[in-house]
């Protein structure tokens, strides 16, 4: 668990961190933060904040031409910093740019005990434009028992080591904070489509309704299992 960076990338990433810290310190961010609090508290007259999901058009928002780091480690850190900086400079929506560099836990989740292969098609520019799942469930009533309870693990040692590495790199400008995200799938039909496909699912509602209920109950319980297991880290 020893991460390294070329000196030039280290210097550049520290410059980006300093830039994000400057943006985070703008009075505007306090105003936006209060806007979110007012909305969540149902304060009378609160204006709903508006944010743009830039990840939906990364091909244009985060093109290869904006990156300078060549190492895998450097590129990952650069991507996170640039996403915040470019959001402020180009989008300027109601997103609050944090004064921290946030990371998650290193986790491993065997969610259903089956492998779901995904085949993709790319366009002339090498950008993924289409895909299809190799559904493991071919006949729901017959194949449902292949699904297993989720098994989750957390690599605390690796997470802490990653935090130390990043804190040495960026901590002068952005404290490195571990934040627990939402683990587990809260959109159960997404998993259904991966497992068996939409057409087969709709047909199963007619042909095997009891199996459909069993499937949805399994996905519900499994999602809660992952959330409970990893929500305590």
Protein backbone atom coordinates (compact mmCIF):
# COMPACT_ATOMS: atom_id res chain seq x y z
CA UNK A 1 0.00 0.00 0.00
CA UNK A 2 2.73 2.42 -1.00
CA UNK A 3 1.53 5.12 -3.38
CA UNK A 4 3.95 7.40 -5.20
CA UNK A 5 3.73 10.41 -7.47
CA UNK A 6 6.22 12.12 -9.80
CA UNK A 7 7.44 15.43 -8.40
CA UNK A 8 5.82 17.45 -11.18
CA UNK A 9 2.42 15.86 -10.54
CA UNK A 10 2.75 16.40 -6.82
CA UNK A 11 3.43 20.11 -7.34
CA UNK A 12 0.55 20.45 -9.79
CA UNK A 13 -1.95 18.66 -7.53
CA UNK A 14 -1.02 20.89 -4.62
CA UNK A 15 -1.73 23.89 -6.83
CA UNK A 16 -5.16 22.48 -7.65
CA UNK A 17 -5.83 21.82 -3.97
CA UNK A 18 -4.93 25.41 -3.14
CA UNK A 19 -7.32 26.59 -5.85
CA UNK A 20 -10.19 24.49 -4.52
CA UNK A 21 -9.50 25.81 -1.02
CA UNK A 22 -9.75 29.38 -2.33
CA UNK A 23 -13.09 28.63 -3.97
CA UNK A 24 -14.38 26.90 -0.84
CA UNK A 25 -13.53 29.99 1.23
CA UNK A 26 -15.64 32.34 -0.89
CA UNK A 27 -18.53 33.97 1.04
CA UNK A 28 -20.79 32.66 -1.70
CA UNK A 29 -20.28 29.13 -0.39
CA UNK A 30 -21.65 30.10 3.03
CA UNK A 31 -24.72 31.53 1.29
CA UNK A 32 -25.24 28.34 -0.70
CA UNK A 33 -24.71 26.16 2.36
CA UNK A 34 -27.39 28.09 4.22
CA UNK A 35 -29.68 27.69 1.21
CA UNK A 36 -29.45 23.91 1.57
CA UNK A 37 -30.03 24.09 5.33
CA UNK A 38 -33.10 26.28 4.81
CA UNK A 39 -34.53 23.83 2.28
CA UNK A 40 -33.90 20.81 4.50
CA UNK A 41 -35.47 22.63 7.46
CA UNK A 42 -38.53 23.53 5.36
CA UNK A 43 -37.96 27.20 6.06
CA UNK A 44 -40.68 29.40 4.61
CA UNK A 45 -39.63 31.00 1.34
CA UNK A 46 -36.54 28.80 0.92
CA UNK A 47 -35.43 28.61 -2.70
CA UNK A 48 -34.67 25.08 -3.88
CA UNK A 49 -30.98 24.85 -4.87
CA UNK A 50 -30.22 23.80 -8.44
CA UNK A 51 -27.26 21.59 -9.32
CA UNK A 52 -26.13 20.08 -12.61
CA UNK A 53 -25.15 16.42 -12.76
CA UNK A 54 -21.96 16.96 -14.71
CA UNK A 55 -21.07 13.26 -14.74
CA UNK A 56 -23.83 12.76 -17.30
CA UNK A 57 -21.83 14.67 -19.91
CA UNK A 58 -18.25 14.02 -18.84
CA UNK A 59 -17.25 13.57 -22.46
CA UNK A 60 -17.58 17.35 -22.78
CA UNK A 61 -17.18 18.53 -19.20
CA UNK A 62 -14.08 16.48 -18.36
CA UNK A 63 -12.39 15.75 -21.71
CA UNK A 64 -8.94 14.19 -21.84
CA UNK A 65 -7.46 17.53 -22.87
CA UNK A 66 -7.96 19.02 -19.38
CA UNK A 67 -5.80 16.45 -17.61
CA UNK A 68 -2.09 16.81 -17.02
CA UNK A 69 -1.28 13.86 -14.75
CA UNK A 70 -0.11 10.66 -16.40
CA UNK A 71 0.13 8.36 -13.38
CA UNK A 72 -2.97 6.45 -12.32
CA UNK A 73 -2.80 7.81 -8.77
CA UNK A 74 -2.27 11.38 -9.94
CA UNK A 75 -5.06 11.19 -12.51
CA UNK A 76 -7.56 10.03 -9.90
CA UNK A 77 -6.74 12.88 -7.50
CA UNK A 78 -6.65 15.37 -10.38
CA UNK A 79 -10.06 14.27 -11.60
CA UNK A 80 -11.66 14.88 -8.21
CA UNK A 81 -10.08 18.31 -7.80
CA UNK A 82 -10.78 19.43 -11.36
CA UNK A 83 -14.40 18.34 -11.15
CA UNK A 84 -14.96 20.75 -8.26
CA UNK A 85 -12.92 23.59 -9.76
CA UNK A 86 -14.50 23.33 -13.20
CA UNK A 87 -17.95 23.05 -11.65
CA UNK A 88 -17.42 26.45 -10.04
CA UNK A 89 -15.73 28.07 -13.02
CA UNK A 90 -17.93 26.71 -15.83
CA UNK A 91 -21.26 25.71 -14.26
CA UNK A 92 -21.56 27.93 -11.18
CA UNK A 93 -24.70 26.21 -9.91
CA UNK A 94 -25.70 25.91 -6.24
CA UNK A 95 -23.21 23.18 -5.39
CA UNK A 96 -21.17 23.92 -2.27
CA UNK A 97 -17.48 23.36 -2.97
CA UNK A 98 -16.04 21.70 0.12
CA UNK A 99 -12.99 22.87 2.03
CA UNK A 100 -11.96 19.22 2.42
CA UNK A 101 -10.73 16.46 0.11
CA UNK A 102 -13.20 13.65 0.67
CA UNK A 103 -12.46 9.97 0.29
CA UNK A 104 -14.47 6.83 0.94
CA UNK A 105 -13.65 3.54 2.56
CA UNK A 106 -12.03 0.74 0.59
CA UNK A 107 -14.79 -1.83 0.58
CA UNK A 108 -15.41 -5.11 -1.17
CA UNK A 109 -19.00 -6.16 -1.84
CA UNK A 110 -20.06 -9.49 -3.31
CA UNK A 111 -23.60 -8.27 -3.65
CA UNK A 112 -25.47 -11.25 -5.06
CA UNK A 113 -23.01 -14.09 -5.44
CA UNK A 114 -23.24 -14.07 -9.24
CA UNK A 115 -21.19 -12.51 -12.00
CA UNK A 116 -23.00 -10.19 -14.41
CA UNK A 117 -20.92 -9.60 -17.52
CA UNK A 118 -21.40 -6.37 -19.47
CA UNK A 119 -20.56 -6.02 -23.15
CA UNK A 120 -19.98 -2.55 -24.55
CA UNK A 121 -19.79 -0.89 -27.96
CA UNK A 122 -17.64 2.19 -28.59
CA UNK A 123 -17.94 4.85 -31.24
CA UNK A 124 -15.21 6.05 -33.61
CA UNK A 125 -13.72 8.19 -30.85
CA UNK A 126 -13.48 5.26 -28.47
CA UNK A 127 -16.34 6.50 -26.28
CA UNK A 128 -18.75 3.90 -24.91
CA UNK A 129 -22.10 4.41 -26.61
CA UNK A 130 -24.00 1.18 -26.00
CA UNK A 131 -23.98 -1.90 -23.81
CA UNK A 132 -25.86 -5.05 -22.93
CA UNK A 133 -25.89 -7.32 -19.91
CA UNK A 134 -25.29 -11.07 -20.01
CA UNK A 135 -28.19 -11.85 -17.68
CA UNK A 136 -27.46 -14.74 -15.30
CA UNK A 137 -31.18 -15.43 -14.72
CA UNK A 138 -32.69 -17.06 -17.77
CA UNK A 139 -35.80 -18.50 -16.08
CA UNK A 140 -36.74 -16.76 -12.85
CA UNK A 141 -38.48 -19.56 -10.95
CA UNK A 142 -35.64 -21.96 -11.77
CA UNK A 143 -32.65 -19.66 -11.35
CA UNK A 144 -33.70 -17.52 -8.38
CA UNK A 145 -31.90 -19.73 -5.86
CA UNK A 146 -28.53 -18.94 -7.45
CA UNK A 147 -28.66 -15.52 -5.74
CA UNK A 148 -26.82 -15.39 -2.41
CA UNK A 149 -26.82 -12.98 0.54
CA UNK A 150 -24.38 -10.11 0.16
CA UNK A 151 -20.93 -10.45 1.70
CA UNK A 152 -19.19 -7.18 2.62
CA UNK A 153 -15.74 -6.33 3.95
CA UNK A 154 -13.90 -3.11 4.76
CA UNK A 155 -10.14 -2.65 4.38
CA UNK A 156 -9.55 -0.20 7.22
CA UNK A 157 -5.76 -0.43 7.05
CA UNK A 158 -5.67 0.47 3.36
CA UNK A 159 -8.15 3.31 3.87
CA UNK A 160 -6.13 4.83 6.69
CA UNK A 161 -2.91 4.51 4.69
CA UNK A 162 -4.57 6.24 1.72
CA UNK A 163 -5.70 9.06 3.98
CA UNK A 164 -2.17 9.52 5.34
CA UNK A 165 -0.74 9.61 1.81
CA UNK A 166 -3.28 12.18 0.63
CA UNK A 167 -2.98 14.27 3.76
CA UNK A 168 0.75 14.57 3.16
CA UNK A 169 0.00 15.62 -0.42
CA UNK A 170 -2.98 17.95 0.05
CA UNK A 171 -3.49 18.48 3.76
CA UNK A 172 -1.82 21.90 3.81
CA UNK A 173 -4.78 23.15 1.78
CA UNK A 174 -7.60 20.61 2.08
CA UNK A 175 -7.91 18.32 5.13
CA UNK A 176 -8.49 14.76 3.94
CA UNK A 177 -11.79 13.49 5.33
CA UNK A 178 -13.22 9.97 5.22
CA UNK A 179 -16.94 10.09 4.51
CA UNK A 180 -19.30 7.14 4.44
CA UNK A 181 -21.44 7.15 1.34
CA UNK A 182 -24.62 5.24 0.59
CA UNK A 183 -23.68 1.61 0.14
CA UNK A 184 -26.16 -0.80 -1.35
CA UNK A 185 -28.59 -0.45 -4.25
CA UNK A 186 -31.63 1.68 -3.44
CA UNK A 187 -33.07 1.27 -6.95
CA UNK A 188 -34.02 -2.39 -6.87
CA UNK A 189 -35.31 -2.59 -10.43
CA UNK A 190 -31.85 -1.59 -11.65
CA UNK A 191 -30.62 -4.89 -10.28
CA UNK A 192 -33.58 -6.71 -11.83
CA UNK A 193 -32.67 -5.42 -15.29
CA UNK A 194 -29.07 -6.54 -14.80
CA UNK A 195 -30.14 -9.95 -13.56
CA UNK A 196 -32.80 -10.87 -16.12
CA UNK A 197 -33.65 -7.97 -18.46
CA UNK A 198 -36.76 -5.82 -18.64
CA UNK A 199 -38.74 -7.96 -21.07
CA UNK A 200 -38.19 -11.15 -19.08
CA UNK A 201 -39.14 -9.30 -15.90
CA UNK A 202 -42.42 -8.07 -17.35
CA UNK A 203 -43.26 -11.55 -18.66
CA UNK A 204 -42.44 -13.07 -15.26
CA UNK A 205 -45.07 -10.83 -13.67
CA UNK A 206 -47.61 -12.88 -15.66
CA UNK A 207 -45.91 -16.27 -15.76
CA UNK A 208 -44.33 -16.47 -12.30
CA UNK A 209 -45.73 -13.74 -10.00
CA UNK A 210 -44.75 -15.56 -6.82
CA UNK A 211 -41.15 -15.75 -8.02
CA UNK A 212 -41.22 -12.02 -8.80
CA UNK A 213 -42.30 -11.32 -5.22
CA UNK A 214 -39.50 -13.56 -3.93
CA UNK A 215 -36.98 -11.75 -6.14
CA UNK A 216 -38.03 -8.29 -4.95
CA UNK A 217 -38.02 -9.43 -1.32
CA UNK A 218 -34.51 -10.81 -1.78
CA UNK A 219 -33.28 -7.57 -3.38
CA UNK A 220 -34.89 -5.50 -0.62
CA UNK A 221 -33.34 -7.59 2.15
CA UNK A 222 -29.99 -7.69 0.40
CA UNK A 223 -29.86 -3.92 -0.04
CA UNK A 224 -30.66 -3.44 3.64
CA UNK A 225 -27.99 -6.00 4.55
CA UNK A 226 -25.33 -4.06 2.65
CA UNK A 227 -26.48 -0.73 4.08
CA UNK A 228 -26.47 -2.09 7.63
CA UNK A 229 -23.13 -3.87 7.30
CA UNK A 230 -21.29 -0.93 5.76
CA UNK A 231 -23.26 1.86 7.43
CA UNK A 232 -21.34 1.15 10.64
CA UNK A 233 -17.84 1.80 9.26
